[in-house]
Amino acid sequence: KLALNIEGLDPSGIEVYANKTNLALTGNPKFPNASAYLPTLTIAKNDLHVLITAALPNTVAINNKVKLIKKLLLLIKSVAEYECKDDEVIASTSGFDIKQPSLPKAKVFNAVQGSQSGSVDLVCPYAGNRAAYIWEIIPDPINTNAWSQIKVTNNTVYTATGLIPGNKYWFRVKAVINNEDLPYTDPHMVHVV
């Protein structure tokens, strides 16, 4: 249920994440065992802060302290995950991120010029016998809040028509299987002729 989303964080980001977790767990009665590791985490976090803000930062020492904090966070996350007993409300108070269900993302679909002017042929991967496909469009430039549904089909192939030649359009599709929505594909842009 809990996620430790610290990949790609610089040492200052690791310090902030450790502080956020420390604040969330301090005095939190739902995580008594995880809280037992907070004094060690606090010392490591404070040591990292001193190393980062030193006049001449020691990169090796900073990297070693970051590794220690990552190990401590992983340990604390594991204990907290056990203590929340799959209760998402309790888990949300831990300071860690909540894992999202990992639905498979549809493979990249194909969008190409159609045989007639102002049309685009769209093809997506097959998602199963009972799948429906929801096709969406947005004119360029892309705005994630302005997608429009153009068609719901039972086929993996659809031709969008009535498009303005010379304009660019983005397309995406998602499959729905047994009333469960799979994530949308990555958008694909076509310059319509």
C-alpha atoms as a PDB file:
ATOM      1  CA  LYS A   1       0.000   0.000   0.000  1.00  0.00           C
ATOM      2  CA  LEU A   2       2.786   2.488   0.782  1.00  0.00           C
ATOM      3  CA  ALA A   3       5.258   3.861  -1.738  1.00  0.00           C
ATOM      4  CA  LEU A   4       8.661   5.421  -1.209  1.00  0.00           C
ATOM      5  CA  ASN A   5       8.850   7.894  -4.091  1.00  0.00           C
ATOM      6  CA  ILE A   6      12.368   9.246  -3.659  1.00  0.00           C
ATOM      7  CA  GLU A   7      14.033   8.197  -6.904  1.00  0.00           C
ATOM      8  CA  GLY A   8      15.553  11.172  -8.662  1.00  0.00           C
ATOM      9  CA  LEU A   9      15.501  13.392  -5.580  1.00  0.00           C
ATOM     10  CA  ASP A  10      18.669  15.330  -4.831  1.00  0.00           C
ATOM     11  CA  PRO A  11      20.042  15.327  -1.245  1.00  0.00           C
ATOM     12  CA  SER A  12      17.905  18.346  -0.307  1.00  0.00           C
ATOM     13  CA  GLY A  13      14.813  16.541  -1.636  1.00  0.00           C
ATOM     14  CA  ILE A  14      15.710  13.455   0.420  1.00  0.00           C
ATOM     15  CA  GLU A  15      15.994  15.696   3.482  1.00  0.00           C
ATOM     16  CA  VAL A  16      12.547  17.197   2.809  1.00  0.00           C
ATOM     17  CA  TYR A  17      10.990  13.741   2.260  1.00  0.00           C
ATOM     18  CA  ALA A  18      12.561  12.427   5.481  1.00  0.00           C
ATOM     19  CA  ASN A  19      11.273  15.474   7.356  1.00  0.00           C
ATOM     20  CA  LYS A  20       7.743  15.017   5.945  1.00  0.00           C
ATOM     21  CA  THR A  21       7.720  11.372   7.030  1.00  0.00           C
ATOM     22  CA  ASN A  22       9.164  12.233  10.429  1.00  0.00           C
ATOM     23  CA  LEU A  23       6.474  14.877  11.051  1.00  0.00           C
ATOM     24  CA  ALA A  24       3.662  12.541   9.948  1.00  0.00           C
ATOM     25  CA  LEU A  25       4.765   9.672  12.177  1.00  0.00           C
ATOM     26  CA  THR A  26       5.764  11.674  15.263  1.00  0.00           C
ATOM     27  CA  GLY A  27       3.041  11.102  17.854  1.00  0.00           C
ATOM     28  CA  ASN A  28       0.934   9.081  15.403  1.00  0.00           C
ATOM     29  CA  PRO A  29      -0.611   6.308  17.565  1.00  0.00           C
ATOM     30  CA  LYS A  30      -1.313   4.130  14.516  1.00  0.00           C
ATOM     31  CA  PHE A  31       2.413   3.533  13.911  1.00  0.00           C
ATOM     32  CA  PRO A  32       4.094   2.787  17.258  1.00  0.00           C
ATOM     33  CA  ASN A  33       6.741   0.427  15.846  1.00  0.00           C
ATOM     34  CA  ALA A  34       7.585   2.609  12.848  1.00  0.00           C
ATOM     35  CA  SER A  35       7.890   5.607  15.167  1.00  0.00           C
ATOM     36  CA  ALA A  36      10.590   3.798  17.150  1.00  0.00           C
ATOM     37  CA  TYR A  37      13.021   4.471  14.267  1.00  0.00           C
ATOM     38  CA  LEU A  38      12.331   8.219  14.151  1.00  0.00           C
ATOM     39  CA  PRO A  39      15.150   9.277  16.506  1.00  0.00           C
ATOM     40  CA  THR A  40      17.689   7.574  14.210  1.00  0.00           C
ATOM     41  CA  LEU A  41      16.058   9.167  11.164  1.00  0.00           C
ATOM     42  CA  THR A  42      16.104  12.607  12.832  1.00  0.00           C
ATOM     43  CA  ILE A  43      19.829  12.349  13.577  1.00  0.00           C
ATOM     44  CA  ALA A  44      20.618  11.231  10.018  1.00  0.00           C
ATOM     45  CA  LYS A  45      18.415  13.982   8.557  1.00  0.00           C
ATOM     46  CA  ASN A  46      20.065  16.647  10.723  1.00  0.00           C
ATOM     47  CA  ASP A  47      23.531  15.348   9.814  1.00  0.00           C
ATOM     48  CA  LEU A  48      22.606  15.532   6.127  1.00  0.00           C
ATOM     49  CA  HIS A  49      21.420  19.111   6.549  1.00  0.00           C
ATOM     50  CA  VAL A  50      24.743  20.098   8.135  1.00  0.00           C
ATOM     51  CA  LEU A  51      26.666  18.409   5.314  1.00  0.00           C
ATOM     52  CA  ILE A  52      24.572  20.086   2.597  1.00  0.00           C
ATOM     53  CA  THR A  53      24.883  23.564   4.091  1.00  0.00           C
ATOM     54  CA  ALA A  54      28.616  23.323   4.888  1.00  0.00           C
ATOM     55  CA  ALA A  55      30.888  25.945   3.336  1.00  0.00           C
ATOM     56  CA  LEU A  56      32.677  23.154   1.443  1.00  0.00           C
ATOM     57  CA  PRO A  57      30.162  20.308   1.005  1.00  0.00           C
ATOM     58  CA  ASN A  58      31.722  16.837   1.152  1.00  0.00           C
ATOM     59  CA  THR A  59      30.065  14.923  -1.699  1.00  0.00           C
ATOM     60  CA  VAL A  60      31.146  11.496  -0.454  1.00  0.00           C
ATOM     61  CA  ALA A  61      29.809  12.170   3.044  1.00  0.00           C
ATOM     62  CA  ILE A  62      26.549  13.542   1.611  1.00  0.00           C
ATOM     63  CA  ASN A  63      26.084  10.466  -0.605  1.00  0.00           C
ATOM     64  CA  ASN A  64      26.762   8.126   2.332  1.00  0.00           C
ATOM     65  CA  LYS A  65      24.233   9.984   4.504  1.00  0.00           C
ATOM     66  CA  VAL A  66      21.658   9.880   1.683  1.00  0.00           C
ATOM     67  CA  LYS A  67      22.142   6.094   1.391  1.00  0.00           C
ATOM     68  CA  LEU A  68      21.604   5.740   5.158  1.00  0.00           C
ATOM     69  CA  ILE A  69      18.427   7.834   5.061  1.00  0.00           C
ATOM     70  CA  LYS A  70      17.079   5.831   2.114  1.00  0.00           C
ATOM     71  CA  LYS A  71      17.667   2.596   4.047  1.00  0.00           C
ATOM     72  CA  LEU A  72      15.980   4.028   7.138  1.00  0.00           C
ATOM     73  CA  LEU A  73      12.993   5.250   5.114  1.00  0.00           C
ATOM     74  CA  LEU A  74      12.665   1.844   3.476  1.00  0.00           C
ATOM     75  CA  LEU A  75      12.730   0.143   6.880  1.00  0.00           C
ATOM     76  CA  ILE A  76      10.216   2.593   8.367  1.00  0.00           C
ATOM     77  CA  LYS A  77       7.955   2.230   5.309  1.00  0.00           C
ATOM     78  CA  SER A  78       7.975  -1.558   5.658  1.00  0.00           C
ATOM     79  CA  VAL A  79       7.022  -1.408   9.325  1.00  0.00           C
ATOM     80  CA  ALA A  80       4.376   1.275   8.707  1.00  0.00           C
ATOM     81  CA  GLU A  81       2.931  -0.757   5.853  1.00  0.00           C
ATOM     82  CA  TYR A  82       2.522  -3.723   8.201  1.00  0.00           C
ATOM     83  CA  GLU A  83       0.977  -1.533  10.905  1.00  0.00           C
ATOM     84  CA  CYS A  84      -1.643   0.072   8.657  1.00  0.00           C
ATOM     85  CA  LYS A  85      -3.077  -3.399   7.865  1.00  0.00           C
ATOM     86  CA  ASP A  86      -4.185  -2.383   4.335  1.00  0.00           C
ATOM     87  CA  ASP A  87      -6.343   0.445   5.714  1.00  0.00           C
ATOM     88  CA  GLU A  88      -5.868   3.262   3.203  1.00  0.00           C
ATOM     89  CA  VAL A  89      -7.155   5.931   5.617  1.00  0.00           C
ATOM     90  CA  ILE A  90      -4.542   4.965   8.211  1.00  0.00           C
ATOM     91  CA  ALA A  91      -1.871   4.576   5.511  1.00  0.00           C
ATOM     92  CA  SER A  92      -2.520   8.133   4.308  1.00  0.00           C
ATOM     93  CA  THR A  93      -1.412   9.485   7.700  1.00  0.00           C
ATOM     94  CA  SER A  94       2.021   7.806   7.511  1.00  0.00           C
ATOM     95  CA  GLY A  95       3.788  10.504   5.477  1.00  0.00           C
ATOM     96  CA  PHE A  96       4.487   8.008   2.703  1.00  0.00           C
ATOM     97  CA  ASP A  97       2.758   8.024  -0.656  1.00  0.00           C
ATOM     98  CA  ILE A  98      -0.028   5.535  -1.339  1.00  0.00           C
ATOM     99  CA  LYS A  99       0.642   3.026  -4.119  1.00  0.00           C
ATOM    100  CA  GLN A 100      -1.737   3.352  -7.021  1.00  0.00           C
ATOM    101  CA  PRO A 101      -3.132   0.177  -8.568  1.00  0.00           C
ATOM    102  CA  SER A 102      -0.945  -0.848 -11.455  1.00  0.00           C
ATOM    103  CA  LEU A 103      -3.322  -1.291 -14.360  1.00  0.00           C
ATOM    104  CA  PRO A 104      -1.507  -2.119 -17.553  1.00  0.00           C
ATOM    105  CA  LYS A 105      -1.234   0.856 -19.889  1.00  0.00           C
ATOM    106  CA  ALA A 106      -2.347   0.206 -23.422  1.00  0.00           C
ATOM    107  CA  LYS A 107       0.483  -0.118 -25.889  1.00  0.00           C
ATOM    108  CA  VAL A 108       1.155   2.843 -28.117  1.00  0.00           C
ATOM    109  CA  PHE A 109      -1.437   2.991 -30.823  1.00  0.00           C
ATOM    110  CA  ASN A 110      -1.035   4.064 -34.426  1.00  0.00           C
ATOM    111  CA  ALA A 111      -2.524   7.271 -35.868  1.00  0.00           C
ATOM    112  CA  VAL A 112      -1.940   8.010 -39.580  1.00  0.00           C
ATOM    113  CA  GLN A 113      -3.448  10.069 -42.393  1.00  0.00           C
ATOM    114  CA  GLY A 114      -6.698   8.624 -43.647  1.00  0.00           C
ATOM    115  CA  SER A 115      -7.424   7.834 -47.285  1.00  0.00           C
ATOM    116  CA  GLN A 116      -9.627  10.941 -47.591  1.00  0.00           C
ATOM    117  CA  SER A 117      -8.712  14.552 -46.875  1.00  0.00           C
ATOM    118  CA  GLY A 118      -9.552  15.536 -43.282  1.00  0.00           C
ATOM    119  CA  SER A 119      -9.449  11.984 -41.919  1.00  0.00           C
ATOM    120  CA  VAL A 120      -7.119  10.056 -39.629  1.00  0.00           C
ATOM    121  CA  ASP A 121      -7.008   6.266 -39.246  1.00  0.00           C
ATOM    122  CA  LEU A 122      -6.552   5.127 -35.648  1.00  0.00           C
ATOM    123  CA  VAL A 123      -5.545   1.609 -34.597  1.00  0.00           C
ATOM    124  CA  CYS A 124      -4.984   0.423 -31.038  1.00  0.00           C
ATOM    125  CA  PRO A 125      -3.897  -2.927 -29.568  1.00  0.00           C
ATOM    126  CA  TYR A 126      -6.531  -5.592 -28.948  1.00  0.00           C
ATOM    127  CA  ALA A 127      -7.603  -5.643 -25.293  1.00  0.00           C
ATOM    128  CA  GLY A 128      -9.880  -8.690 -25.232  1.00  0.00           C
ATOM    129  CA  ASN A 129     -13.277  -9.970 -26.400  1.00  0.00           C
ATOM    130  CA  ARG A 130     -15.436  -7.781 -24.193  1.00  0.00           C
ATOM    131  CA  ALA A 131     -13.457  -4.568 -24.519  1.00  0.00           C
ATOM    132  CA  ALA A 132     -14.873  -1.222 -25.561  1.00  0.00           C
ATOM    133  CA  TYR A 133     -12.550   1.490 -26.820  1.00  0.00           C
ATOM    134  CA  ILE A 134     -12.992   5.164 -25.989  1.00  0.00           C
ATOM    135  CA  TRP A 135     -11.356   7.448 -28.570  1.00  0.00           C
ATOM    136  CA  GLU A 136     -10.535  11.057 -27.710  1.00  0.00           C
ATOM    137  CA  ILE A 137      -9.223  14.055 -29.622  1.00  0.00           C
ATOM    138  CA  ILE A 138      -7.775  17.467 -28.844  1.00  0.00           C
ATOM    139  CA  PRO A 139      -6.511  20.142 -31.239  1.00  0.00           C
ATOM    140  CA  ASP A 140      -2.897  21.245 -30.978  1.00  0.00           C
ATOM    141  CA  PRO A 141      -1.517  22.669 -28.712  1.00  0.00           C
ATOM    142  CA  ILE A 142      -2.339  19.927 -26.232  1.00  0.00           C
ATOM    143  CA  ASN A 143      -4.195  20.826 -23.030  1.00  0.00           C
ATOM    144  CA  THR A 144      -4.771  17.928 -20.660  1.00  0.00           C
ATOM    145  CA  ASN A 145      -8.134  19.324 -19.515  1.00  0.00           C
ATOM    146  CA  ALA A 146      -9.725  19.767 -22.942  1.00  0.00           C
ATOM    147  CA  TRP A 147      -9.933  16.234 -24.421  1.00  0.00           C
ATOM    148  CA  SER A 148     -13.173  15.456 -26.281  1.00  0.00           C
ATOM    149  CA  GLN A 149     -14.607  11.989 -26.741  1.00  0.00           C
ATOM    150  CA  ILE A 150     -15.145  11.302 -30.432  1.00  0.00           C
ATOM    151  CA  LYS A 151     -16.315   7.696 -30.434  1.00  0.00           C
ATOM    152  CA  VAL A 152     -16.860   4.566 -28.358  1.00  0.00           C
ATOM    153  CA  THR A 153     -16.369   1.391 -30.378  1.00  0.00           C
ATOM    154  CA  ASN A 154     -15.980  -2.337 -29.950  1.00  0.00           C
ATOM    155  CA  ASN A 155     -13.287  -2.326 -32.625  1.00  0.00           C
ATOM    156  CA  THR A 156      -9.594  -1.593 -32.396  1.00  0.00           C
ATOM    157  CA  VAL A 157      -9.836   0.486 -35.584  1.00  0.00           C
ATOM    158  CA  TYR A 158     -11.551   3.843 -36.010  1.00  0.00           C
ATOM    159  CA  THR A 159     -11.380   6.579 -38.661  1.00  0.00           C
ATOM    160  CA  ALA A 160     -11.805  10.128 -37.398  1.00  0.00           C
ATOM    161  CA  THR A 161     -13.382  12.305 -40.092  1.00  0.00           C
ATOM    162  CA  GLY A 162     -14.382  15.936 -40.528  1.00  0.00           C
ATOM    163  CA  LEU A 163     -10.997  17.236 -39.401  1.00  0.00           C
ATOM    164  CA  ILE A 164      -9.668  20.521 -40.782  1.00  0.00           C
ATOM    165  CA  PRO A 165      -6.788  19.973 -43.232  1.00  0.00           C
ATOM    166  CA  GLY A 166      -3.633  21.818 -42.180  1.00  0.00           C
ATOM    167  CA  ASN A 167      -4.443  21.535 -38.463  1.00  0.00           C
ATOM    168  CA  LYS A 168      -2.669  19.292 -35.969  1.00  0.00           C
ATOM    169  CA  TYR A 169      -4.686  17.005 -33.703  1.00  0.00           C
ATOM    170  CA  TRP A 170      -3.776  14.752 -30.795  1.00  0.00           C
ATOM    171  CA  PHE A 171      -5.480  11.400 -30.293  1.00  0.00           C
ATOM    172  CA  ARG A 172      -5.602   8.901 -27.453  1.00  0.00           C
ATOM    173  CA  VAL A 173      -7.611   5.803 -26.623  1.00  0.00           C
ATOM    174  CA  LYS A 174      -8.376   3.645 -23.611  1.00  0.00           C
ATOM    175  CA  ALA A 175      -9.971   0.255 -23.295  1.00  0.00           C
ATOM    176  CA  VAL A 176     -12.784  -0.552 -20.894  1.00  0.00           C
ATOM    177  CA  ILE A 177     -13.018  -4.203 -19.860  1.00  0.00           C
ATOM    178  CA  ASN A 178     -15.838  -5.406 -17.591  1.00  0.00           C
ATOM    179  CA  ASN A 179     -16.527  -1.794 -16.512  1.00  0.00           C
ATOM    180  CA  GLU A 180     -12.879  -1.281 -15.535  1.00  0.00           C
ATOM    181  CA  ASP A 181     -11.092   1.563 -17.310  1.00  0.00           C
ATOM    182  CA  LEU A 182      -7.529   0.935 -18.387  1.00  0.00           C
ATOM    183  CA  PRO A 183      -5.291   4.014 -18.549  1.00  0.00           C
ATOM    184  CA  TYR A 184      -5.225   6.091 -21.708  1.00  0.00           C
ATOM    185  CA  THR A 185      -2.459   5.487 -24.232  1.00  0.00           C
ATOM    186  CA  ASP A 186       0.169   8.147 -24.637  1.00  0.00           C
ATOM    187  CA  PRO A 187      -1.208  10.813 -26.986  1.00  0.00           C
ATOM    188  CA  HIS A 188      -0.263  10.701 -30.652  1.00  0.00           C
ATOM    189  CA  MET A 189      -0.240  13.783 -32.906  1.00  0.00           C
ATOM    190  CA  VAL A 190      -1.142  13.894 -36.616  1.00  0.00           C
ATOM    191  CA  HIS A 191      -0.860  16.887 -38.959  1.00  0.00           C
ATOM    192  CA  VAL A 192      -4.010  16.453 -41.038  1.00  0.00           C
ATOM    193  CA  VAL A 193      -3.895  16.893 -44.827  1.00  0.00           C
END
